Amino acid sequence: MSTGHGNSENEYPSASEENFRELASDEDVLIICLDLVALYLDLAFDDPASGEVERWTLSCLPATDRGRRLFTLNIGPMEVLHVENPFIEDRDIDVWSVSVYVSRSALESRTGKTFDELTSQFPNLRFHRSQLASAEGDAVVIRINLLDDASNEQFVTLIDDAELVRRLADRLVAKGKGPYGRYHNRWFAQAVLDHLREAWDEVPA
């Protein structure tokens, strides 16, 4: 997978088909990205498709952090999910970081632990208080290492309660439409929604 960022003629490359095609050039990476975004949107909304752009936006290979992200998912005015681009440098990869934002109050209720006690229960996850104003103090960033099986397993155990995401999403949607529509990648978003529909179709009636 290369590390370019779209056509110079496109003012917002993260919204371009070219950037999506670049991401999709590595099928394994694409599937991981689709799985993560689809999971978050499924937890956040009853009908993710109806809120595209108005409630959530998705950028592809954004320039954020000097191009070190594969994508950023925003709900309303705030980022809620992003994945590091580990391929931007020629180096061995031992950490592939995913940052997931959840409601702090829902997280503490779900686990029965205070913020400071979470690491002892989930030692392969990293927890950070979010300083983003839109969450009004009720957001925690969970950092996962995709290359660590224990980290993935602990995250799956934790995220089985949709309220962790839904409570934060509801708070952010109430803030109104965010400013990121110009960066929204409709090709990537359509691939996510198609992926989500396929997953729903596989669920027994």
N, C-alpha and C. Protein backbone atom coordinates (compact mmCIF):
# COMPACT_ATOMS: atom_id res chain seq x y z
N MET A 1 0.85 -1.20 0.00
CA MET A 1 0.00 0.00 0.00
C MET A 1 0.88 1.24 0.00
N SER A 2 0.59 2.17 -0.86
CA SER A 2 1.40 3.39 -0.94
C SER A 2 0.92 4.40 0.07
N THR A 3 1.54 5.57 0.09
CA THR A 3 1.23 6.56 1.12
C THR A 3 0.87 7.91 0.54
N GLY A 4 0.50 7.97 -0.73
CA GLY A 4 0.11 9.23 -1.34
C GLY A 4 -1.22 9.71 -0.81
N HIS A 5 -1.58 10.93 -1.12
CA HIS A 5 -2.80 11.49 -0.57
C HIS A 5 -3.62 12.20 -1.63
N GLY A 6 -3.95 11.46 -2.68
CA GLY A 6 -4.92 11.96 -3.62
C GLY A 6 -4.33 12.85 -4.69
N ASN A 7 -5.22 13.34 -5.53
CA ASN A 7 -4.86 14.18 -6.66
C ASN A 7 -4.67 15.61 -6.21
N SER A 8 -3.59 16.24 -6.64
CA SER A 8 -3.32 17.61 -6.24
C SER A 8 -4.39 18.57 -6.72
N GLU A 9 -5.17 18.15 -7.74
CA GLU A 9 -6.23 19.02 -8.25
C GLU A 9 -7.46 18.99 -7.34
N ASN A 10 -7.52 18.02 -6.44
CA ASN A 10 -8.65 17.91 -5.53
C ASN A 10 -8.32 18.69 -4.27
N GLU A 11 -9.16 19.68 -3.95
CA GLU A 11 -8.87 20.53 -2.79
C GLU A 11 -8.86 19.71 -1.51
N TYR A 12 -9.72 18.70 -1.45
CA TYR A 12 -9.81 17.86 -0.26
C TYR A 12 -9.58 16.40 -0.67
N PRO A 13 -8.33 15.98 -0.75
CA PRO A 13 -8.04 14.62 -1.20
C PRO A 13 -8.71 13.55 -0.36
N SER A 14 -8.90 13.81 0.94
CA SER A 14 -9.51 12.79 1.80
C SER A 14 -10.94 12.47 1.39
N ALA A 15 -11.55 13.33 0.57
CA ALA A 15 -12.91 13.09 0.08
C ALA A 15 -12.92 12.48 -1.31
N SER A 16 -11.75 12.18 -1.87
CA SER A 16 -11.68 11.78 -3.27
C SER A 16 -11.82 10.28 -3.47
N GLU A 17 -12.28 9.92 -4.66
CA GLU A 17 -12.33 8.51 -5.04
C GLU A 17 -10.92 7.94 -5.10
N GLU A 18 -9.97 8.76 -5.52
CA GLU A 18 -8.58 8.29 -5.63
C GLU A 18 -8.05 7.83 -4.28
N ASN A 19 -8.32 8.59 -3.22
CA ASN A 19 -7.87 8.17 -1.90
C ASN A 19 -8.53 6.87 -1.47
N PHE A 20 -9.83 6.74 -1.77
CA PHE A 20 -10.50 5.49 -1.42
C PHE A 20 -9.90 4.32 -2.19
N ARG A 21 -9.63 4.51 -3.48
CA ARG A 21 -9.05 3.43 -4.27
C ARG A 21 -7.67 3.05 -3.74
N GLU A 22 -6.94 4.03 -3.25
CA GLU A 22 -5.63 3.73 -2.66
C GLU A 22 -5.79 2.88 -1.41
N LEU A 23 -6.72 3.25 -0.54
CA LEU A 23 -6.99 2.45 0.65
C LEU A 23 -7.44 1.05 0.28
N ALA A 24 -8.30 0.95 -0.73
CA ALA A 24 -8.86 -0.33 -1.14
C ALA A 24 -7.86 -1.21 -1.89
N SER A 25 -6.71 -0.66 -2.23
CA SER A 25 -5.72 -1.45 -2.97
C SER A 25 -5.15 -2.58 -2.14
N ASP A 26 -5.25 -2.47 -0.83
CA ASP A 26 -4.85 -3.56 0.06
C ASP A 26 -6.13 -4.11 0.69
N GLU A 27 -6.59 -5.24 0.19
CA GLU A 27 -7.89 -5.76 0.60
C GLU A 27 -7.94 -6.08 2.09
N ASP A 28 -6.86 -6.59 2.64
CA ASP A 28 -6.84 -6.93 4.07
C ASP A 28 -7.01 -5.68 4.92
N VAL A 29 -6.30 -4.62 4.55
CA VAL A 29 -6.42 -3.35 5.28
C VAL A 29 -7.82 -2.78 5.13
N LEU A 30 -8.36 -2.84 3.92
CA LEU A 30 -9.71 -2.32 3.68
C LEU A 30 -10.73 -3.03 4.55
N ILE A 31 -10.67 -4.36 4.63
CA ILE A 31 -11.65 -5.11 5.41
C ILE A 31 -11.58 -4.72 6.88
N ILE A 32 -10.38 -4.54 7.40
CA ILE A 32 -10.24 -4.11 8.79
C ILE A 32 -10.89 -2.75 9.00
N CYS A 33 -10.65 -1.83 8.08
CA CYS A 33 -11.25 -0.49 8.18
C CYS A 33 -12.77 -0.56 8.09
N LEU A 34 -13.28 -1.34 7.15
CA LEU A 34 -14.73 -1.48 7.00
C LEU A 34 -15.35 -2.08 8.26
N ASP A 35 -14.71 -3.10 8.81
CA ASP A 35 -15.22 -3.73 10.03
C ASP A 35 -15.31 -2.73 11.17
N LEU A 36 -14.27 -1.94 11.36
CA LEU A 36 -14.22 -1.00 12.48
C LEU A 36 -15.27 0.10 12.34
N VAL A 37 -15.36 0.70 11.16
CA VAL A 37 -16.32 1.79 10.97
C VAL A 37 -17.75 1.26 11.05
N ALA A 38 -18.00 0.11 10.42
CA ALA A 38 -19.34 -0.48 10.45
C ALA A 38 -19.76 -0.81 11.88
N LEU A 39 -18.85 -1.36 12.67
CA LEU A 39 -19.16 -1.68 14.06
C LEU A 39 -19.53 -0.42 14.83
N TYR A 40 -18.74 0.64 14.68
CA TYR A 40 -19.01 1.86 15.44
C TYR A 40 -20.35 2.47 15.03
N LEU A 41 -20.60 2.56 13.74
CA LEU A 41 -21.86 3.15 13.28
C LEU A 41 -23.06 2.31 13.70
N ASP A 42 -22.90 0.99 13.69
CA ASP A 42 -23.99 0.11 14.11
C ASP A 42 -24.32 0.30 15.58
N LEU A 43 -23.31 0.55 16.40
CA LEU A 43 -23.53 0.81 17.81
C LEU A 43 -24.09 2.21 18.05
N ALA A 44 -23.71 3.16 17.20
CA ALA A 44 -24.08 4.56 17.42
C ALA A 44 -25.49 4.89 16.97
N PHE A 45 -25.98 4.24 15.89
CA PHE A 45 -27.23 4.65 15.26
C PHE A 45 -28.12 3.44 14.93
N ASP A 46 -29.42 3.67 15.00
CA ASP A 46 -30.36 2.63 14.55
C ASP A 46 -30.32 2.49 13.03
N ASP A 47 -30.13 3.61 12.34
CA ASP A 47 -30.11 3.61 10.87
C ASP A 47 -28.95 4.49 10.39
N PRO A 48 -27.75 3.94 10.35
CA PRO A 48 -26.59 4.75 9.97
C PRO A 48 -26.72 5.44 8.62
N ALA A 49 -27.34 4.78 7.65
CA ALA A 49 -27.42 5.35 6.30
C ALA A 49 -28.16 6.68 6.28
N SER A 50 -29.17 6.81 7.12
CA SER A 50 -29.98 8.03 7.09
C SER A 50 -29.24 9.24 7.66
N GLY A 51 -28.16 8.99 8.39
CA GLY A 51 -27.44 10.10 9.01
C GLY A 51 -26.14 10.47 8.33
N GLU A 52 -25.86 9.85 7.17
CA GLU A 52 -24.61 10.15 6.48
C GLU A 52 -24.51 11.64 6.16
N VAL A 53 -23.41 12.23 6.46
CA VAL A 53 -23.08 13.65 6.32
C VAL A 53 -23.78 14.50 7.38
N GLU A 54 -25.09 14.30 7.57
CA GLU A 54 -25.82 15.12 8.54
C GLU A 54 -25.39 14.80 9.97
N ARG A 55 -25.16 13.53 10.27
CA ARG A 55 -24.79 13.14 11.63
C ARG A 55 -23.37 12.58 11.73
N TRP A 56 -22.89 12.00 10.66
CA TRP A 56 -21.53 11.46 10.70
C TRP A 56 -20.83 11.66 9.36
N THR A 57 -19.51 11.77 9.43
CA THR A 57 -18.69 11.92 8.23
C THR A 57 -17.46 11.02 8.37
N LEU A 58 -16.89 10.68 7.22
CA LEU A 58 -15.78 9.74 7.18
C LEU A 58 -14.75 10.22 6.16
N SER A 59 -13.56 10.50 6.61
CA SER A 59 -12.48 10.90 5.70
C SER A 59 -11.57 9.71 5.44
N CYS A 60 -10.89 9.74 4.30
CA CYS A 60 -10.05 8.61 3.87
C CYS A 60 -8.62 9.10 3.61
N LEU A 61 -7.65 8.51 4.30
CA LEU A 61 -6.26 8.94 4.21
C LEU A 61 -6.15 10.46 4.40
N PRO A 62 -6.68 10.97 5.52
CA PRO A 62 -6.65 12.42 5.74
C PRO A 62 -5.24 12.91 6.03
N ALA A 63 -5.05 14.21 5.92
CA ALA A 63 -3.74 14.81 6.20
C ALA A 63 -3.49 14.95 7.70
N THR A 64 -4.47 14.64 8.53
CA THR A 64 -4.35 14.75 9.98
C THR A 64 -3.12 14.00 10.48
N ASP A 65 -2.44 14.58 11.49
CA ASP A 65 -1.24 13.95 12.06
C ASP A 65 -0.20 13.65 10.99
N ARG A 66 -0.02 14.59 10.07
CA ARG A 66 0.98 14.45 9.00
C ARG A 66 0.74 13.18 8.18
N GLY A 67 -0.51 12.89 7.92
CA GLY A 67 -0.85 11.76 7.07
C GLY A 67 -0.72 10.41 7.74
N ARG A 68 -0.76 10.38 9.06
CA ARG A 68 -0.53 9.14 9.78
C ARG A 68 -1.82 8.41 10.14
N ARG A 69 -2.91 8.73 9.45
CA ARG A 69 -4.17 8.02 9.68
C ARG A 69 -4.67 7.39 8.39
N LEU A 70 -5.30 6.23 8.53
CA LEU A 70 -5.99 5.62 7.40
C LEU A 70 -7.35 6.27 7.20
N PHE A 71 -8.01 6.62 8.29
CA PHE A 71 -9.31 7.30 8.19
C PHE A 71 -9.63 7.97 9.52
N THR A 72 -10.60 8.87 9.47
CA THR A 72 -11.18 9.45 10.68
C THR A 72 -12.70 9.44 10.53
N LEU A 73 -13.38 8.89 11.52
CA LEU A 73 -14.84 8.94 11.60
C LEU A 73 -15.21 10.02 12.60
N ASN A 74 -16.10 10.92 12.18
CA ASN A 74 -16.60 11.98 13.06
C ASN A 74 -18.10 11.81 13.25
N ILE A 75 -18.57 12.08 14.45
CA ILE A 75 -20.00 12.23 14.70
C ILE A 75 -20.23 13.67 15.13
N GLY A 76 -21.09 14.38 14.41
CA GLY A 76 -21.28 15.79 14.70
C GLY A 76 -19.94 16.52 14.63
N PRO A 77 -19.59 17.26 15.68
CA PRO A 77 -18.39 18.08 15.64
C PRO A 77 -17.12 17.40 16.13
N MET A 78 -17.16 16.08 16.40
CA MET A 78 -16.03 15.45 17.08
C MET A 78 -15.60 14.14 16.43
N GLU A 79 -14.29 13.90 16.37
CA GLU A 79 -13.80 12.60 15.92
C GLU A 79 -14.12 11.55 16.97
N VAL A 80 -14.47 10.35 16.51
CA VAL A 80 -14.83 9.28 17.44
C VAL A 80 -14.07 7.98 17.17
N LEU A 81 -13.43 7.89 16.01
CA LEU A 81 -12.71 6.66 15.66
C LEU A 81 -11.66 6.99 14.60
N HIS A 82 -10.44 6.57 14.83
CA HIS A 82 -9.43 6.70 13.77
C HIS A 82 -8.39 5.61 13.93
N VAL A 83 -7.76 5.28 12.81
CA VAL A 83 -6.78 4.21 12.76
C VAL A 83 -5.47 4.74 12.21
N GLU A 84 -4.40 4.41 12.90
CA GLU A 84 -3.07 4.80 12.45
C GLU A 84 -2.74 4.14 11.12
N ASN A 85 -2.01 4.88 10.28
CA ASN A 85 -1.46 4.32 9.04
C ASN A 85 -0.05 3.82 9.33
N PRO A 86 0.12 2.52 9.56
CA PRO A 86 1.45 2.01 9.93
C PRO A 86 2.37 1.84 8.73
N PHE A 87 1.84 2.11 7.53
CA PHE A 87 2.61 1.84 6.31
C PHE A 87 3.30 3.09 5.77
N ILE A 88 3.19 4.19 6.51
CA ILE A 88 3.70 5.45 5.99
C ILE A 88 5.23 5.50 6.04
N GLU A 89 5.82 4.67 6.88
CA GLU A 89 7.27 4.61 6.97
C GLU A 89 7.74 3.18 6.70
N ASP A 90 8.93 3.07 6.19
CA ASP A 90 9.51 1.75 5.90
C ASP A 90 10.13 1.20 7.19
N ARG A 91 9.32 0.50 7.96
CA ARG A 91 9.79 -0.01 9.24
C ARG A 91 9.00 -1.26 9.60
N ASP A 92 9.57 -2.05 10.51
CA ASP A 92 8.84 -3.20 11.02
C ASP A 92 7.69 -2.70 11.89
N ILE A 93 6.56 -3.37 11.80
CA ILE A 93 5.36 -2.93 12.51
C ILE A 93 5.09 -3.87 13.67
N ASP A 94 5.08 -3.35 14.89
CA ASP A 94 4.69 -4.16 16.03
C ASP A 94 3.50 -3.57 16.77
N VAL A 95 3.14 -2.34 16.42
CA VAL A 95 1.95 -1.70 16.99
C VAL A 95 1.14 -1.10 15.85
N TRP A 96 -0.15 -1.42 15.82
CA TRP A 96 -1.06 -0.83 14.84
C TRP A 96 -2.23 -0.27 15.65
N SER A 97 -2.19 1.02 15.87
CA SER A 97 -3.05 1.65 16.87
C SER A 97 -4.40 2.09 16.31
N VAL A 98 -5.45 1.75 17.07
CA VAL A 98 -6.82 2.21 16.80
C VAL A 98 -7.27 3.03 18.00
N SER A 99 -7.87 4.18 17.76
CA SER A 99 -8.40 5.02 18.84
C SER A 99 -9.91 5.07 18.73
N VAL A 100 -10.58 4.64 19.80
CA VAL A 100 -12.04 4.57 19.83
C VAL A 100 -12.53 5.43 20.99
N TYR A 101 -13.45 6.34 20.70
CA TYR A 101 -14.01 7.22 21.72
C TYR A 101 -15.33 6.65 22.21
N VAL A 102 -15.48 6.59 23.55
CA VAL A 102 -16.71 6.09 24.16
C VAL A 102 -17.11 7.02 25.30
N SER A 103 -18.32 6.84 25.80
CA SER A 103 -18.80 7.63 26.93
C SER A 103 -18.11 7.17 28.21
N ARG A 104 -17.53 8.12 28.93
CA ARG A 104 -16.87 7.77 30.20
C ARG A 104 -17.88 7.25 31.21
N SER A 105 -19.02 7.93 31.33
CA SER A 105 -20.01 7.50 32.33
C SER A 105 -20.56 6.11 32.02
N ALA A 106 -20.80 5.83 30.74
CA ALA A 106 -21.28 4.50 30.36
C ALA A 106 -20.21 3.44 30.58
N LEU A 107 -18.96 3.80 30.33
CA LEU A 107 -17.85 2.87 30.53
C LEU A 107 -17.70 2.50 32.00
N GLU A 108 -17.78 3.49 32.87
CA GLU A 108 -17.66 3.21 34.30
C GLU A 108 -18.84 2.41 34.81
N SER A 109 -20.03 2.70 34.27
CA SER A 109 -21.21 1.93 34.66
C SER A 109 -21.11 0.49 34.18
N ARG A 110 -20.63 0.30 32.95
CA ARG A 110 -20.51 -1.04 32.36
C ARG A 110 -19.51 -1.91 33.12
N THR A 111 -18.40 -1.32 33.53
CA THR A 111 -17.33 -2.09 34.16
C THR A 111 -17.39 -2.11 35.68
N GLY A 112 -18.10 -1.14 36.26
CA GLY A 112 -18.10 -1.01 37.71
C GLY A 112 -16.78 -0.49 38.24
N LYS A 113 -15.97 0.09 37.35
CA LYS A 113 -14.66 0.61 37.71
C LYS A 113 -14.60 2.11 37.47
N THR A 114 -13.82 2.80 38.29
CA THR A 114 -13.53 4.20 37.99
C THR A 114 -12.52 4.25 36.85
N PHE A 115 -12.36 5.43 36.29
CA PHE A 115 -11.41 5.58 35.19
C PHE A 115 -10.03 5.06 35.57
N ASP A 116 -9.58 5.41 36.77
CA ASP A 116 -8.23 5.04 37.19
C ASP A 116 -8.06 3.54 37.42
N GLU A 117 -9.17 2.81 37.56
CA GLU A 117 -9.10 1.37 37.81
C GLU A 117 -9.21 0.54 36.53
N LEU A 118 -9.50 1.18 35.41
CA LEU A 118 -9.78 0.43 34.18
C LEU A 118 -8.58 -0.38 33.68
N THR A 119 -7.39 0.19 33.80
CA THR A 119 -6.21 -0.49 33.27
C THR A 119 -5.95 -1.82 33.96
N SER A 120 -6.28 -1.91 35.24
CA SER A 120 -6.06 -3.17 35.96
C SER A 120 -6.98 -4.27 35.44
N GLN A 121 -8.19 -3.89 34.98
CA GLN A 121 -9.12 -4.88 34.46
C GLN A 121 -8.84 -5.21 33.00
N PHE A 122 -8.33 -4.23 32.26
CA PHE A 122 -8.06 -4.41 30.83
C PHE A 122 -6.61 -3.99 30.54
N PRO A 123 -5.64 -4.80 30.95
CA PRO A 123 -4.23 -4.38 30.88
C PRO A 123 -3.68 -4.23 29.47
N ASN A 124 -4.35 -4.77 28.47
CA ASN A 124 -3.85 -4.67 27.09
C ASN A 124 -4.52 -3.54 26.31
N LEU A 125 -5.32 -2.74 26.99
CA LEU A 125 -5.91 -1.55 26.39
C LEU A 125 -5.32 -0.32 27.08
N ARG A 126 -5.35 0.80 26.39
CA ARG A 126 -4.89 2.06 26.97
C ARG A 126 -6.07 3.02 27.01
N PHE A 127 -6.25 3.67 28.15
CA PHE A 127 -7.37 4.58 28.35
C PHE A 127 -6.85 5.99 28.60
N HIS A 128 -7.46 6.95 27.91
CA HIS A 128 -7.06 8.35 28.05
C HIS A 128 -8.32 9.21 28.14
N ARG A 129 -8.33 10.16 29.04
CA ARG A 129 -9.43 11.11 29.10
C ARG A 129 -9.37 12.02 27.87
N SER A 130 -10.49 12.17 27.20
CA SER A 130 -10.54 13.07 26.05
C SER A 130 -10.68 14.50 26.52
N GLN A 131 -9.93 15.39 25.91
CA GLN A 131 -10.01 16.81 26.22
C GLN A 131 -10.89 17.58 25.23
N LEU A 132 -11.52 16.86 24.30
CA LEU A 132 -12.34 17.53 23.29
C LEU A 132 -13.60 18.11 23.92
N ALA A 133 -13.83 19.39 23.69
CA ALA A 133 -14.89 20.11 24.39
C ALA A 133 -16.28 19.59 24.07
N SER A 134 -16.49 19.09 22.87
CA SER A 134 -17.83 18.67 22.45
C SER A 134 -18.39 17.56 23.33
N ALA A 135 -17.53 16.76 23.93
CA ALA A 135 -17.99 15.64 24.77
C ALA A 135 -18.35 16.10 26.18
N GLU A 136 -18.04 17.33 26.51
CA GLU A 136 -18.38 17.90 27.81
C GLU A 136 -17.87 17.04 28.97
N GLY A 137 -16.67 16.52 28.81
CA GLY A 137 -16.05 15.74 29.88
C GLY A 137 -16.47 14.28 29.93
N ASP A 138 -17.40 13.87 29.07
CA ASP A 138 -17.90 12.49 29.13
C ASP A 138 -17.37 11.65 27.97
N ALA A 139 -16.06 11.67 27.78
CA ALA A 139 -15.47 10.85 26.71
C ALA A 139 -14.13 10.29 27.16
N VAL A 140 -13.92 9.05 26.79
CA VAL A 140 -12.65 8.37 27.03
C VAL A 140 -12.18 7.81 25.69
N VAL A 141 -10.88 7.91 25.44
CA VAL A 141 -10.28 7.29 24.26
C VAL A 141 -9.71 5.94 24.67
N ILE A 142 -10.16 4.88 23.99
CA ILE A 142 -9.59 3.55 24.19
C ILE A 142 -8.64 3.29 23.04
N ARG A 143 -7.40 2.96 23.35
CA ARG A 143 -6.43 2.66 22.30
C ARG A 143 -6.17 1.16 22.27
N ILE A 144 -6.32 0.59 21.07
CA ILE A 144 -6.18 -0.84 20.84
C ILE A 144 -5.00 -1.06 19.92
N ASN A 145 -4.28 -2.14 20.13
CA ASN A 145 -3.23 -2.57 19.20
C ASN A 145 -3.78 -3.73 18.38
N LEU A 146 -4.04 -3.49 17.10
CA LEU A 146 -4.62 -4.52 16.25
C LEU A 146 -3.72 -5.75 16.11
N LEU A 147 -2.45 -5.60 16.38
CA LEU A 147 -1.52 -6.72 16.23
C LEU A 147 -1.37 -7.54 17.52
N ASP A 148 -2.11 -7.15 18.55
CA ASP A 148 -2.06 -7.84 19.84
C ASP A 148 -3.40 -8.55 20.06
N ASP A 149 -3.39 -9.88 20.03
CA ASP A 149 -4.63 -10.64 20.17
C ASP A 149 -5.33 -10.33 21.49
N ALA A 150 -4.58 -10.19 22.57
CA ALA A 150 -5.19 -9.91 23.87
C ALA A 150 -5.86 -8.54 23.87
N SER A 151 -5.24 -7.57 23.21
CA SER A 151 -5.84 -6.24 23.10
C SER A 151 -7.16 -6.31 22.35
N ASN A 152 -7.19 -7.03 21.26
CA ASN A 152 -8.42 -7.19 20.48
C ASN A 152 -9.51 -7.89 21.28
N GLU A 153 -9.15 -8.96 21.98
CA GLU A 153 -10.12 -9.72 22.75
C GLU A 153 -10.72 -8.88 23.88
N GLN A 154 -9.89 -8.11 24.56
CA GLN A 154 -10.38 -7.26 25.64
C GLN A 154 -11.31 -6.18 25.10
N PHE A 155 -10.98 -5.63 23.94
CA PHE A 155 -11.85 -4.62 23.35
C PHE A 155 -13.20 -5.21 22.97
N VAL A 156 -13.22 -6.38 22.35
CA VAL A 156 -14.47 -7.03 21.96
C VAL A 156 -15.34 -7.29 23.19
N THR A 157 -14.72 -7.74 24.28
CA THR A 157 -15.46 -7.97 25.53
C THR A 157 -16.08 -6.68 26.04
N LEU A 158 -15.33 -5.60 25.95
CA LEU A 158 -15.78 -4.32 26.49
C LEU A 158 -16.88 -3.69 25.65
N ILE A 159 -16.75 -3.77 24.34
CA ILE A 159 -17.63 -3.03 23.44
C ILE A 159 -18.95 -3.75 23.18
N ASP A 160 -19.19 -4.89 23.84
CA ASP A 160 -20.44 -5.60 23.61
C ASP A 160 -21.64 -4.85 24.17
N ASP A 161 -21.38 -3.81 24.96
CA ASP A 161 -22.44 -2.95 25.47
C ASP A 161 -22.53 -1.71 24.57
N ALA A 162 -23.57 -1.65 23.76
CA ALA A 162 -23.71 -0.55 22.78
C ALA A 162 -23.81 0.81 23.45
N GLU A 163 -24.22 0.85 24.71
CA GLU A 163 -24.41 2.12 25.39
C GLU A 163 -23.12 2.92 25.47
N LEU A 164 -21.97 2.26 25.47
CA LEU A 164 -20.70 2.97 25.54
C LEU A 164 -20.55 3.94 24.37
N VAL A 165 -20.97 3.50 23.20
CA VAL A 165 -20.90 4.33 22.00
C VAL A 165 -22.16 5.18 21.85
N ARG A 166 -23.32 4.58 22.08
CA ARG A 166 -24.59 5.28 21.82
C ARG A 166 -24.73 6.53 22.69
N ARG A 167 -24.34 6.46 23.94
CA ARG A 167 -24.51 7.62 24.82
C ARG A 167 -23.66 8.80 24.33
N LEU A 168 -22.43 8.51 23.91
CA LEU A 168 -21.58 9.58 23.38
C LEU A 168 -22.12 10.09 22.06
N ALA A 169 -22.56 9.18 21.19
CA ALA A 169 -23.10 9.59 19.89
C ALA A 169 -24.31 10.49 20.05
N ASP A 170 -25.20 10.15 20.97
CA ASP A 170 -26.39 10.97 21.20
C ASP A 170 -26.00 12.38 21.65
N ARG A 171 -25.01 12.47 22.51
CA ARG A 171 -24.55 13.77 22.98
C ARG A 171 -23.99 14.60 21.82
N LEU A 172 -23.23 13.96 20.95
CA LEU A 172 -22.59 14.68 19.85
C LEU A 172 -23.59 15.07 18.77
N VAL A 173 -24.55 14.19 18.48
CA VAL A 173 -25.59 14.52 17.49
C VAL A 173 -26.38 15.74 17.95
N ALA A 174 -26.61 15.83 19.25
CA ALA A 174 -27.36 16.97 19.79
C ALA A 174 -26.63 18.30 19.59
N LYS A 175 -25.33 18.23 19.32
CA LYS A 175 -24.56 19.45 19.05
C LYS A 175 -24.79 19.98 17.64
N GLY A 176 -25.41 19.18 16.79
CA GLY A 176 -25.68 19.61 15.43
C GLY A 176 -24.65 19.11 14.44
N LYS A 177 -24.87 19.43 13.20
CA LYS A 177 -23.99 18.98 12.11
C LYS A 177 -22.59 19.53 12.29
N GLY A 178 -21.60 18.67 12.12
CA GLY A 178 -20.22 19.08 12.26
C GLY A 178 -19.68 19.78 11.02
N PRO A 179 -18.44 20.27 11.09
CA PRO A 179 -17.85 21.04 10.00
C PRO A 179 -17.06 20.20 9.00
N TYR A 180 -17.24 18.87 9.02
CA TYR A 180 -16.34 18.01 8.26
C TYR A 180 -16.93 17.47 6.96
N GLY A 181 -18.08 17.99 6.55
CA GLY A 181 -18.71 17.49 5.34
C GLY A 181 -17.83 17.60 4.11
N ARG A 182 -17.01 18.62 4.04
CA ARG A 182 -16.14 18.82 2.86
C ARG A 182 -15.08 17.73 2.74
N TYR A 183 -14.79 17.04 3.86
CA TYR A 183 -13.78 15.97 3.85
C TYR A 183 -14.40 14.58 3.74
N HIS A 184 -15.72 14.52 3.67
CA HIS A 184 -16.42 13.23 3.69
C HIS A 184 -16.19 12.46 2.39
N ASN A 185 -15.78 11.21 2.53
CA ASN A 185 -15.50 10.37 1.37
C ASN A 185 -16.70 9.48 1.09
N ARG A 186 -17.49 9.82 0.08
CA ARG A 186 -18.74 9.11 -0.16
C ARG A 186 -18.50 7.70 -0.70
N TRP A 187 -17.37 7.46 -1.35
CA TRP A 187 -17.06 6.11 -1.84
C TRP A 187 -16.76 5.18 -0.66
N PHE A 188 -15.97 5.67 0.26
CA PHE A 188 -15.65 4.91 1.46
C PHE A 188 -16.91 4.67 2.29
N ALA A 189 -17.71 5.72 2.45
CA ALA A 189 -18.95 5.60 3.23
C ALA A 189 -19.89 4.57 2.63
N GLN A 190 -20.01 4.57 1.30
CA GLN A 190 -20.89 3.60 0.64
C GLN A 190 -20.37 2.18 0.86
N ALA A 191 -19.06 2.00 0.80
CA ALA A 191 -18.48 0.68 1.04
C ALA A 191 -18.77 0.21 2.46
N VAL A 192 -18.71 1.13 3.42
CA VAL A 192 -19.02 0.78 4.81
C VAL A 192 -20.48 0.38 4.95
N LEU A 193 -21.38 1.16 4.37
CA LEU A 193 -22.81 0.86 4.47
C LEU A 193 -23.15 -0.45 3.78
N ASP A 194 -22.53 -0.73 2.65
CA ASP A 194 -22.74 -2.01 1.97
C ASP A 194 -22.23 -3.16 2.85
N HIS A 195 -21.09 -2.96 3.47
CA HIS A 195 -20.50 -3.96 4.36
C HIS A 195 -21.43 -4.23 5.54
N LEU A 196 -22.02 -3.17 6.06
CA LEU A 196 -22.92 -3.29 7.20
C LEU A 196 -24.20 -4.03 6.81
N ARG A 197 -24.74 -3.71 5.64
CA ARG A 197 -25.95 -4.41 5.17
C ARG A 197 -25.67 -5.90 4.98
N GLU A 198 -24.51 -6.23 4.45
CA GLU A 198 -24.16 -7.64 4.27
C GLU A 198 -24.08 -8.35 5.61
N ALA A 199 -23.55 -7.66 6.61
CA ALA A 199 -23.47 -8.26 7.95
C ALA A 199 -24.86 -8.48 8.53
N TRP A 200 -25.75 -7.49 8.33
CA TRP A 200 -27.13 -7.64 8.82
C TRP A 200 -27.83 -8.80 8.11
N ASP A 201 -27.59 -8.94 6.81
CA ASP A 201 -28.24 -10.01 6.04
C ASP A 201 -27.83 -11.40 6.52
N GLU A 202 -26.63 -11.48 7.12
CA GLU A 202 -26.14 -12.77 7.58
C GLU A 202 -26.67 -13.15 8.95
N VAL A 203 -27.31 -12.19 9.63
CA VAL A 203 -27.87 -12.47 10.96
C VAL A 203 -29.17 -13.25 10.80
N PRO A 204 -29.31 -14.41 11.47
CA PRO A 204 -30.54 -15.20 11.34
C PRO A 204 -31.76 -14.41 11.78
N ALA A 205 -32.86 -14.58 11.05
CA ALA A 205 -34.10 -13.85 11.38
C ALA A 205 -34.68 -14.38 12.69
